[in-house]
Amino acid sequence: MLENQRFKPASVIGPLGEPLTMETLPSPKTRRWVVRRKAEVVAAVKGGLLTLDEACKRYGLSIEEFTSWQRAVDRAGLAGLRVTRTQHYRALFERQDS
């Protein structure tokens, strides 16, 4: 059982349908987080290419920041990651949850 938990795929499918590998992920030095890069990191974690802890350490993210990206993708797709639309989507989903 533990052996299966250590298995990491060589690649996963990215947000635009392209294969993602450790080499094609955004650089650990990334400072400008555009939608595509955020979505690639979320896809890498979801697909098992990186663990949550590895992604946070590699990119200097807090767990809260990463989970907000993940929640945005789950709720609204790539458009949910657009910073300019964050308040719009937050208000929309708060109304739906009520």
C-alpha atoms as a PDB file:
ATOM      1  CA  MET A   1       0.000   0.000   0.000  1.00  0.00           C
ATOM      2  CA  LEU A   2       2.739   2.487   0.908  1.00  0.00           C
ATOM      3  CA  GLU A   3       4.564   1.691  -2.335  1.00  0.00           C
ATOM      4  CA  ASN A   4       1.549   2.918  -4.323  1.00  0.00           C
ATOM      5  CA  GLN A   5       1.493   6.173  -2.367  1.00  0.00           C
ATOM      6  CA  ARG A   6       5.072   6.916  -3.409  1.00  0.00           C
ATOM      7  CA  PHE A   7       4.400   6.460  -7.131  1.00  0.00           C
ATOM      8  CA  LYS A   8       4.696   9.665  -9.120  1.00  0.00           C
ATOM      9  CA  PRO A   9       3.740   9.820 -12.768  1.00  0.00           C
ATOM     10  CA  ALA A  10       6.303  11.065 -15.287  1.00  0.00           C
ATOM     11  CA  SER A  11       3.706  13.447 -16.687  1.00  0.00           C
ATOM     12  CA  VAL A  12       0.139  14.626 -16.137  1.00  0.00           C
ATOM     13  CA  ILE A  13      -2.340  16.370 -18.388  1.00  0.00           C
ATOM     14  CA  GLY A  14      -2.184  20.139 -18.009  1.00  0.00           C
ATOM     15  CA  PRO A  15      -5.052  22.625 -17.997  1.00  0.00           C
ATOM     16  CA  LEU A  16      -4.862  23.108 -21.771  1.00  0.00           C
ATOM     17  CA  GLY A  17      -4.594  19.381 -22.531  1.00  0.00           C
ATOM     18  CA  GLU A  18      -0.817  19.349 -22.912  1.00  0.00           C
ATOM     19  CA  PRO A  19       1.457  16.948 -21.003  1.00  0.00           C
ATOM     20  CA  LEU A  20       3.162  18.487 -17.966  1.00  0.00           C
ATOM     21  CA  THR A  21       6.438  17.148 -16.592  1.00  0.00           C
ATOM     22  CA  MET A  22       8.710  18.439 -13.851  1.00  0.00           C
ATOM     23  CA  GLU A  23      10.764  20.114 -16.596  1.00  0.00           C
ATOM     24  CA  THR A  24       7.780  21.893 -18.159  1.00  0.00           C
ATOM     25  CA  LEU A  25       6.283  23.188 -14.914  1.00  0.00           C
ATOM     26  CA  PRO A  26       6.709  26.895 -14.185  1.00  0.00           C
ATOM     27  CA  SER A  27      10.141  27.851 -12.905  1.00  0.00           C
ATOM     28  CA  PRO A  28      10.592  27.831  -9.127  1.00  0.00           C
ATOM     29  CA  LYS A  29      11.725  31.462  -9.542  1.00  0.00           C
ATOM     30  CA  THR A  30       8.318  32.495 -10.927  1.00  0.00           C
ATOM     31  CA  ARG A  31       7.133  35.784  -9.479  1.00  0.00           C
ATOM     32  CA  ARG A  32       4.408  36.728 -11.966  1.00  0.00           C
ATOM     33  CA  TRP A  33       1.552  34.260 -11.613  1.00  0.00           C
ATOM     34  CA  VAL A  34      -0.592  34.324 -14.737  1.00  0.00           C
ATOM     35  CA  VAL A  35      -3.672  32.098 -14.993  1.00  0.00           C
ATOM     36  CA  ARG A  36      -1.934  29.400 -17.049  1.00  0.00           C
ATOM     37  CA  ARG A  37       0.947  28.997 -14.576  1.00  0.00           C
ATOM     38  CA  LYS A  38      -1.376  28.775 -11.590  1.00  0.00           C
ATOM     39  CA  ALA A  39      -3.495  26.186 -13.409  1.00  0.00           C
ATOM     40  CA  GLU A  40      -0.405  24.148 -14.304  1.00  0.00           C
ATOM     41  CA  VAL A  41       0.669  23.955 -10.654  1.00  0.00           C
ATOM     42  CA  VAL A  42      -2.867  22.966  -9.600  1.00  0.00           C
ATOM     43  CA  ALA A  43      -2.951  20.266 -12.313  1.00  0.00           C
ATOM     44  CA  ALA A  44       0.460  18.966 -11.245  1.00  0.00           C
ATOM     45  CA  VAL A  45      -0.685  18.548  -7.649  1.00  0.00           C
ATOM     46  CA  LYS A  46      -4.043  17.078  -8.647  1.00  0.00           C
ATOM     47  CA  GLY A  47      -2.335  14.582 -10.974  1.00  0.00           C
ATOM     48  CA  GLY A  48       0.301  13.574  -8.418  1.00  0.00           C
ATOM     49  CA  LEU A  49       3.323  15.084 -10.161  1.00  0.00           C
ATOM     50  CA  LEU A  50       3.917  17.214  -7.037  1.00  0.00           C
ATOM     51  CA  THR A  51       2.576  16.939  -3.520  1.00  0.00           C
ATOM     52  CA  LEU A  52       0.917  19.957  -1.939  1.00  0.00           C
ATOM     53  CA  ASP A  53       3.927  20.431   0.329  1.00  0.00           C
ATOM     54  CA  GLU A  54       6.365  20.174  -2.589  1.00  0.00           C
ATOM     55  CA  ALA A  55       4.415  22.728  -4.615  1.00  0.00           C
ATOM     56  CA  CYS A  56       4.230  25.182  -1.706  1.00  0.00           C
ATOM     57  CA  LYS A  57       7.938  24.839  -0.966  1.00  0.00           C
ATOM     58  CA  ARG A  58       8.994  24.984  -4.652  1.00  0.00           C
ATOM     59  CA  TYR A  59       6.971  28.124  -5.380  1.00  0.00           C
ATOM     60  CA  GLY A  60       7.008  29.845  -1.986  1.00  0.00           C
ATOM     61  CA  LEU A  61       3.231  29.541  -1.593  1.00  0.00           C
ATOM     62  CA  SER A  62       1.187  29.227   1.546  1.00  0.00           C
ATOM     63  CA  ILE A  63      -1.224  26.316   1.762  1.00  0.00           C
ATOM     64  CA  GLU A  64      -4.071  28.848   1.850  1.00  0.00           C
ATOM     65  CA  GLU A  65      -2.905  30.488  -1.376  1.00  0.00           C
ATOM     66  CA  PHE A  66      -2.604  27.171  -3.193  1.00  0.00           C
ATOM     67  CA  THR A  67      -5.966  25.922  -1.956  1.00  0.00           C
ATOM     68  CA  SER A  68      -7.583  29.182  -3.099  1.00  0.00           C
ATOM     69  CA  TRP A  69      -6.216  28.484  -6.605  1.00  0.00           C
ATOM     70  CA  GLN A  70      -7.486  24.918  -6.442  1.00  0.00           C
ATOM     71  CA  ARG A  71     -10.927  26.013  -5.260  1.00  0.00           C
ATOM     72  CA  ALA A  72     -11.101  28.659  -8.011  1.00  0.00           C
ATOM     73  CA  VAL A  73     -10.305  26.068 -10.692  1.00  0.00           C
ATOM     74  CA  ASP A  74     -12.817  23.598  -9.260  1.00  0.00           C
ATOM     75  CA  ARG A  75     -15.583  26.194  -9.120  1.00  0.00           C
ATOM     76  CA  ALA A  76     -15.038  28.333 -12.217  1.00  0.00           C
ATOM     77  CA  GLY A  77     -12.303  26.757 -14.319  1.00  0.00           C
ATOM     78  CA  LEU A  78      -9.361  28.790 -15.559  1.00  0.00           C
ATOM     79  CA  ALA A  79     -11.396  32.002 -15.519  1.00  0.00           C
ATOM     80  CA  GLY A  80     -11.697  31.679 -11.733  1.00  0.00           C
ATOM     81  CA  LEU A  81      -7.941  32.251 -11.431  1.00  0.00           C
ATOM     82  CA  ARG A  82      -8.081  35.695 -13.006  1.00  0.00           C
ATOM     83  CA  VAL A  83      -7.218  38.198 -10.296  1.00  0.00           C
ATOM     84  CA  THR A  84      -9.490  40.818 -11.821  1.00  0.00           C
ATOM     85  CA  ARG A  85     -12.484  38.506 -11.442  1.00  0.00           C
ATOM     86  CA  THR A  86     -11.790  37.217  -7.918  1.00  0.00           C
ATOM     87  CA  GLN A  87     -14.370  39.431  -6.209  1.00  0.00           C
ATOM     88  CA  HIS A  88     -16.993  38.601  -8.838  1.00  0.00           C
ATOM     89  CA  TYR A  89     -16.573  34.843  -8.393  1.00  0.00           C
ATOM     90  CA  ARG A  90     -16.356  35.117  -4.596  1.00  0.00           C
ATOM     91  CA  ALA A  91     -19.679  36.967  -4.465  1.00  0.00           C
ATOM     92  CA  LEU A  92     -21.269  34.576  -6.940  1.00  0.00           C
ATOM     93  CA  PHE A  93     -20.311  31.468  -4.963  1.00  0.00           C
ATOM     94  CA  GLU A  94     -21.213  32.995  -1.604  1.00  0.00           C
ATOM     95  CA  ARG A  95     -24.746  33.556  -2.944  1.00  0.00           C
ATOM     96  CA  GLN A  96     -24.892  29.964  -4.213  1.00  0.00           C
ATOM     97  CA  ASP A  97     -23.698  28.546  -0.887  1.00  0.00           C
ATOM     98  CA  SER A  98     -26.367  30.473   1.060  1.00  0.00           C
END
